[in-house]
Amino acid sequence: MAHAKSVPVLMHHHVSPSPGMITVSPENFESQIAWLAADGWTSLTMQQYAGFLAGAPVPRKSILITFDDGYLDNWVHAHPILQKYGMHAVVFLVTGWMGQGDVRPHAGQGDAPLPATPDHRGCEDAIFNQGRADEVMMRWSEARAAIAAGTFEMHCHTHSHTRWLRREISREEKCAGIRDDLVRAREELRRELGEASDTLCWPYGDFDEDYVRIARELGFRHLHTTHPFGRNLVGGDPEHIYRFAIRNRPAKWLRKRIASSYSPLIAPFFNRFKAHRKGMVAGP
């Protein structure tokens, strides 16, 4: 059996019929997931992915599917599609935005009316301006239901999603802020889900040497970035995991994008070209 030498990591935020930035429609998301399943891709768990980075074999067509923040639409629209095709994904939760309450309906459950899933700006307005995060974010009960169904697993995306590097405060205050954010998030994950892993995703992709050091001191070993132009290779750096954002397009786009990231012949040239245009440094 052939084993993967690199594993693409997909970055999602929203799967919703409300169009807008960083949102994939349910129709396009299903097109992409259906193609992955039909084409023989294995959606890894984070434990399997960590093993791959450490040198353990995984199937040649392996992929890691991730979602940032933990929006309600992940439960309402993405969960049933993943379940339909037997695929698995990772959610990085902002624990301070999570609430309590009953599990709400998701698509495919009959005639039950579905909760509204606003676009990204609508979600931000509900969270930051109206104090109504529960209306747009997953609840802990829904996170547990998704875990039980095998569609999602939950990991850390800090407690407050604060952009500490943009705050006009001292270095010491920034370090204290991110440390407290991570400690509180892990406490919430343990309280609500029974465990907290060694996996972290940086909000907004913001991090520096201090942040990596603090995360390491707190026991985090697998750090996800928003850097799209690099391959995650077997034996690669677990503290700098590359991910590329998924566009609101059908499977044909995803097939081409994975080929660009996955092919050992094409990917280095593709990543250098794209990174240069963005003023970034390309990965391997």
Protein backbone atom coordinates (compact mmCIF):
# COMPACT_ATOMS: atom_id res chain seq x y z
CA MET A 1 0.00 0.00 0.00
CA ALA A 2 1.40 3.42 -0.96
CA HIS A 3 1.76 5.95 1.84
CA ALA A 4 1.43 9.74 1.80
CA LYS A 5 4.53 11.89 1.69
CA SER A 6 2.52 15.09 2.11
CA VAL A 7 -0.98 15.74 3.43
CA PRO A 8 -3.03 18.81 2.41
CA VAL A 9 -4.88 20.60 5.21
CA LEU A 10 -8.12 22.37 4.25
CA MET A 11 -9.27 25.48 6.15
CA HIS A 12 -12.99 26.26 6.39
CA HIS A 13 -15.00 28.72 8.44
CA HIS A 14 -18.65 28.66 7.30
CA VAL A 15 -20.85 26.24 5.39
CA SER A 16 -24.07 28.16 4.95
CA PRO A 17 -26.68 29.24 2.39
CA SER A 18 -25.97 32.84 3.49
CA PRO A 19 -23.40 34.04 0.94
CA GLY A 20 -20.42 36.07 2.05
CA MET A 21 -16.72 36.01 2.85
CA ILE A 22 -15.05 32.75 4.01
CA THR A 23 -18.29 30.87 3.35
CA VAL A 24 -18.92 27.79 1.22
CA SER A 25 -22.49 27.00 0.19
CA PRO A 26 -23.89 23.62 1.29
CA GLU A 27 -24.13 22.64 -2.38
CA ASN A 28 -20.46 23.34 -3.09
CA PHE A 29 -19.35 21.81 0.19
CA GLU A 30 -21.24 18.63 -0.63
CA SER A 31 -19.73 18.61 -4.13
CA GLN A 32 -16.24 18.79 -2.60
CA ILE A 33 -16.85 16.20 0.14
CA ALA A 34 -18.60 13.82 -2.25
CA TRP A 35 -15.63 14.01 -4.63
CA LEU A 36 -13.12 13.37 -1.83
CA ALA A 37 -15.08 10.32 -0.71
CA ALA A 38 -15.61 8.95 -4.24
CA ASP A 39 -11.97 9.55 -5.18
CA GLY A 40 -10.73 7.50 -2.26
CA TRP A 41 -9.43 10.18 0.09
CA THR A 42 -9.06 9.38 3.79
CA SER A 43 -10.03 12.23 6.13
CA LEU A 44 -7.59 11.91 9.02
CA THR A 45 -8.19 12.48 12.68
CA MET A 46 -5.81 14.86 14.39
CA GLN A 47 -4.17 11.91 16.14
CA GLN A 48 -3.56 10.24 12.79
CA TYR A 49 -2.23 13.48 11.36
CA ALA A 50 0.12 13.96 14.30
CA GLY A 51 1.36 10.43 13.68
CA PHE A 52 1.98 11.26 10.02
CA LEU A 53 4.10 14.28 10.95
CA ALA A 54 6.06 12.05 13.32
CA GLY A 55 6.70 9.50 10.57
CA ALA A 56 3.81 7.03 10.91
CA PRO A 57 2.34 5.81 7.59
CA VAL A 58 -1.05 7.06 6.39
CA PRO A 59 -2.83 6.26 3.08
CA ARG A 60 -1.44 8.04 0.02
CA LYS A 61 -4.62 10.04 -0.46
CA SER A 62 -4.93 11.47 3.03
CA ILE A 63 -6.32 14.86 3.95
CA LEU A 64 -7.06 16.88 7.09
CA ILE A 65 -10.29 18.93 7.01
CA THR A 66 -10.42 21.81 9.50
CA PHE A 67 -12.93 24.46 10.57
CA ASP A 68 -12.09 27.61 12.52
CA ASP A 69 -14.13 29.14 15.36
CA GLY A 70 -17.03 26.66 15.67
CA TYR A 71 -19.97 28.41 14.04
CA LEU A 72 -23.48 27.04 14.31
CA ASP A 73 -23.56 26.43 10.56
CA ASN A 74 -20.82 23.83 11.02
CA TRP A 75 -23.38 21.77 12.94
CA VAL A 76 -26.46 22.69 10.88
CA HIS A 77 -25.01 22.26 7.38
CA ALA A 78 -21.49 20.75 7.42
CA HIS A 79 -22.11 17.98 9.96
CA PRO A 80 -24.88 16.16 8.01
CA ILE A 81 -22.85 16.30 4.77
CA LEU A 82 -19.76 14.88 6.47
CA GLN A 83 -21.94 12.18 8.03
CA LYS A 84 -23.54 11.33 4.69
CA TYR A 85 -20.17 10.60 3.08
CA GLY A 86 -18.43 9.11 6.11
CA MET A 87 -15.88 11.92 6.32
CA HIS A 88 -14.28 13.43 9.41
CA ALA A 89 -13.18 16.99 10.26
CA VAL A 90 -11.53 19.04 12.99
CA VAL A 91 -13.06 22.14 14.61
CA PHE A 92 -10.95 24.72 16.42
CA LEU A 93 -13.29 26.15 19.06
CA VAL A 94 -13.31 29.65 20.55
CA THR A 95 -14.42 28.43 23.96
CA GLY A 96 -15.55 31.85 25.21
CA TRP A 97 -18.16 31.99 22.46
CA MET A 98 -19.65 28.60 23.28
CA GLY A 99 -22.90 28.33 25.20
CA GLN A 100 -25.23 25.85 26.86
CA GLY A 101 -28.64 24.62 25.76
CA ASP A 102 -30.39 21.94 23.77
CA VAL A 103 -29.09 20.55 20.51
CA ARG A 104 -30.66 22.44 17.60
CA PRO A 105 -31.88 20.79 14.36
CA HIS A 106 -29.51 20.20 11.48
CA ALA A 107 -30.21 19.70 7.79
CA GLY A 108 -31.62 16.34 6.78
CA GLN A 109 -33.73 15.82 9.88
CA GLY A 110 -37.10 16.11 8.20
CA ASP A 111 -39.41 19.10 8.45
CA ALA A 112 -37.92 20.71 11.54
CA PRO A 113 -37.15 24.38 10.83
CA LEU A 114 -33.44 25.07 10.75
CA PRO A 115 -31.86 27.85 12.80
CA ALA A 116 -30.62 30.84 10.87
CA THR A 117 -26.95 30.81 9.91
CA PRO A 118 -25.91 34.38 9.07
CA ASP A 119 -22.93 35.34 6.96
CA HIS A 120 -19.57 36.07 8.57
CA ARG A 121 -20.23 39.75 9.15
CA GLY A 122 -23.59 38.91 10.67
CA CYS A 123 -21.90 36.45 13.01
CA GLU A 124 -19.33 39.04 14.04
CA ASP A 125 -22.06 41.57 14.73
CA ALA A 126 -23.97 39.08 16.88
CA ILE A 127 -20.85 38.16 18.85
CA PHE A 128 -19.12 41.50 19.31
CA ASN A 129 -21.93 44.06 19.22
CA GLN A 130 -25.11 42.34 20.34
CA GLY A 131 -24.01 39.79 22.92
CA ARG A 132 -25.85 37.06 21.00
CA ALA A 133 -23.05 34.58 20.33
CA ASP A 134 -25.34 31.64 21.15
CA GLU A 135 -27.42 32.39 18.04
CA VAL A 136 -24.47 31.95 15.67
CA MET A 137 -22.07 29.57 17.45
CA MET A 138 -22.24 25.88 18.22
CA ARG A 139 -23.28 24.92 21.73
CA TRP A 140 -21.33 22.49 23.86
CA SER A 141 -24.21 20.02 23.49
CA GLU A 142 -23.84 20.18 19.71
CA ALA A 143 -20.08 19.76 19.94
CA ARG A 144 -20.60 16.61 22.02
CA ALA A 145 -23.23 15.32 19.57
CA ALA A 146 -20.88 15.82 16.62
CA ILE A 147 -18.06 14.06 18.45
CA ALA A 148 -20.39 11.15 19.23
CA ALA A 149 -21.42 10.97 15.56
CA GLY A 150 -17.79 10.88 14.44
CA THR A 151 -18.05 13.87 12.12
CA PHE A 152 -16.09 16.40 14.17
CA GLU A 153 -13.43 16.48 16.84
CA MET A 154 -12.76 19.64 18.87
CA HIS A 155 -9.51 21.45 19.59
CA CYS A 156 -8.27 24.80 20.87
CA HIS A 157 -8.62 28.18 19.13
CA THR A 158 -8.11 30.19 22.37
CA HIS A 159 -10.82 31.38 24.74
CA SER A 160 -11.41 34.92 23.49
CA HIS A 161 -10.06 35.03 19.89
CA THR A 162 -8.27 38.26 20.82
CA ARG A 163 -5.76 39.65 18.34
CA TRP A 164 -3.10 40.27 20.98
CA LEU A 165 -0.38 41.22 18.49
CA ARG A 166 -2.50 44.18 17.35
CA ARG A 167 -3.09 45.53 20.87
CA GLU A 168 -1.11 48.61 21.92
CA ILE A 169 0.21 47.02 25.10
CA SER A 170 3.61 45.88 26.31
CA ARG A 171 5.27 42.64 25.30
CA GLU A 172 4.77 41.35 28.85
CA GLU A 173 1.06 42.13 28.70
CA LYS A 174 0.72 40.44 25.31
CA CYS A 175 2.45 37.31 26.57
CA ALA A 176 0.28 37.27 29.69
CA GLY A 177 -2.83 37.73 27.55
CA ILE A 178 -2.15 34.84 25.19
CA ARG A 179 -1.10 32.60 28.09
CA ASP A 180 -4.33 33.27 29.96
CA ASP A 181 -6.33 32.80 26.74
CA LEU A 182 -4.81 29.36 26.21
CA VAL A 183 -5.10 28.25 29.83
CA ARG A 184 -8.76 29.25 30.02
CA ALA A 185 -9.55 27.54 26.72
CA ARG A 186 -8.01 24.26 27.86
CA GLU A 187 -9.90 24.45 31.15
CA GLU A 188 -13.19 24.88 29.27
CA LEU A 189 -12.42 22.05 26.86
CA ARG A 190 -11.64 19.71 29.75
CA ARG A 191 -14.74 20.76 31.66
CA GLU A 192 -17.15 20.41 28.75
CA LEU A 193 -15.60 17.65 26.63
CA GLY A 194 -13.50 15.75 29.15
CA GLU A 195 -10.16 16.42 27.48
CA ALA A 196 -7.97 19.03 25.83
CA SER A 197 -5.45 18.01 23.21
CA ASP A 198 -2.00 19.30 22.32
CA THR A 199 -3.38 20.95 19.15
CA LEU A 200 -3.84 24.69 18.72
CA CYS A 201 -4.91 26.95 15.87
CA TRP A 202 -3.78 30.60 15.99
CA PRO A 203 -6.66 33.11 15.68
CA TYR A 204 -6.25 35.23 12.54
CA GLY A 205 -3.02 33.32 11.94
CA ASP A 206 -1.24 35.71 14.33
CA PHE A 207 1.77 34.35 16.20
CA ASP A 208 5.39 35.15 16.94
CA GLU A 209 8.30 33.51 18.75
CA ASP A 210 6.89 34.43 22.17
CA TYR A 211 3.55 32.85 21.35
CA VAL A 212 5.13 29.64 20.10
CA ARG A 213 7.26 29.47 23.23
CA ILE A 214 4.22 29.96 25.50
CA ALA A 215 2.19 27.38 23.61
CA ARG A 216 5.07 24.92 23.91
CA GLU A 217 5.38 25.60 27.66
CA LEU A 218 1.66 24.86 28.07
CA GLY A 219 1.97 21.53 26.30
CA PHE A 220 0.79 22.37 22.79
CA ARG A 221 2.70 20.43 20.15
CA HIS A 222 0.72 20.88 16.93
CA LEU A 223 0.24 24.49 15.86
CA HIS A 224 -1.95 25.36 12.87
CA THR A 225 -1.34 28.51 10.84
CA THR A 226 -3.25 30.27 8.07
CA HIS A 227 -0.16 30.13 5.81
CA PRO A 228 -1.35 28.48 2.56
CA PHE A 229 1.86 28.19 0.55
CA GLY A 230 3.72 25.16 1.82
CA ARG A 231 3.43 21.40 2.06
CA ASN A 232 2.99 19.41 5.25
CA LEU A 233 5.53 16.65 4.74
CA VAL A 234 6.08 13.43 6.63
CA GLY A 235 8.50 14.33 9.39
CA GLY A 236 7.56 18.01 8.96
CA ASP A 237 7.38 20.77 11.55
CA PRO A 238 4.36 20.22 13.85
CA GLU A 239 4.68 23.80 15.10
CA HIS A 240 3.98 25.29 11.66
CA ILE A 241 1.17 23.44 9.91
CA TYR A 242 0.21 24.90 6.53
CA ARG A 243 -3.48 25.21 5.59
CA PHE A 244 -5.21 26.65 2.54
CA ALA A 245 -8.62 28.32 2.57
CA ILE A 246 -11.46 26.63 0.73
CA ARG A 247 -13.31 28.71 -1.84
CA ASN A 248 -17.01 28.65 -2.60
CA ARG A 249 -16.58 26.52 -5.68
CA PRO A 250 -17.47 22.93 -6.59
CA ALA A 251 -15.20 19.90 -6.51
CA LYS A 252 -13.37 20.75 -9.74
CA TRP A 253 -11.67 23.70 -8.04
CA LEU A 254 -10.68 21.63 -5.01
CA ARG A 255 -9.27 18.88 -7.19
CA LYS A 256 -6.99 21.36 -8.95
CA ARG A 257 -5.97 23.12 -5.72
CA ILE A 258 -5.04 19.85 -4.03
CA ALA A 259 -3.03 18.81 -7.08
CA SER A 260 -1.08 22.05 -6.83
CA SER A 261 -0.38 21.45 -3.11
CA TYR A 262 0.04 17.68 -3.27
CA SER A 263 2.13 16.99 -6.36
CA PRO A 264 5.86 16.79 -5.53
CA LEU A 265 6.64 18.17 -9.00
CA ILE A 266 4.17 21.06 -9.12
CA ALA A 267 3.79 22.12 -5.48
CA PRO A 268 7.23 23.72 -4.86
CA PHE A 269 6.89 25.95 -7.94
CA PHE A 270 3.22 26.75 -7.22
CA ASN A 271 3.94 27.72 -3.61
CA ARG A 272 6.95 29.87 -4.46
CA PHE A 273 5.02 31.71 -7.20
CA LYS A 274 1.94 32.32 -5.05
CA ALA A 275 3.96 33.30 -1.98
CA HIS A 276 6.02 35.77 -3.99
CA ARG A 277 2.88 37.47 -5.30
CA LYS A 278 1.59 37.81 -1.72
CA GLY A 279 4.91 39.00 -0.31
CA MET A 280 5.24 35.85 1.78
CA VAL A 281 7.90 33.22 2.26
CA ALA A 282 7.02 29.85 0.74
CA GLY A 283 7.30 26.64 2.69
CA PRO A 284 8.63 23.33 1.37
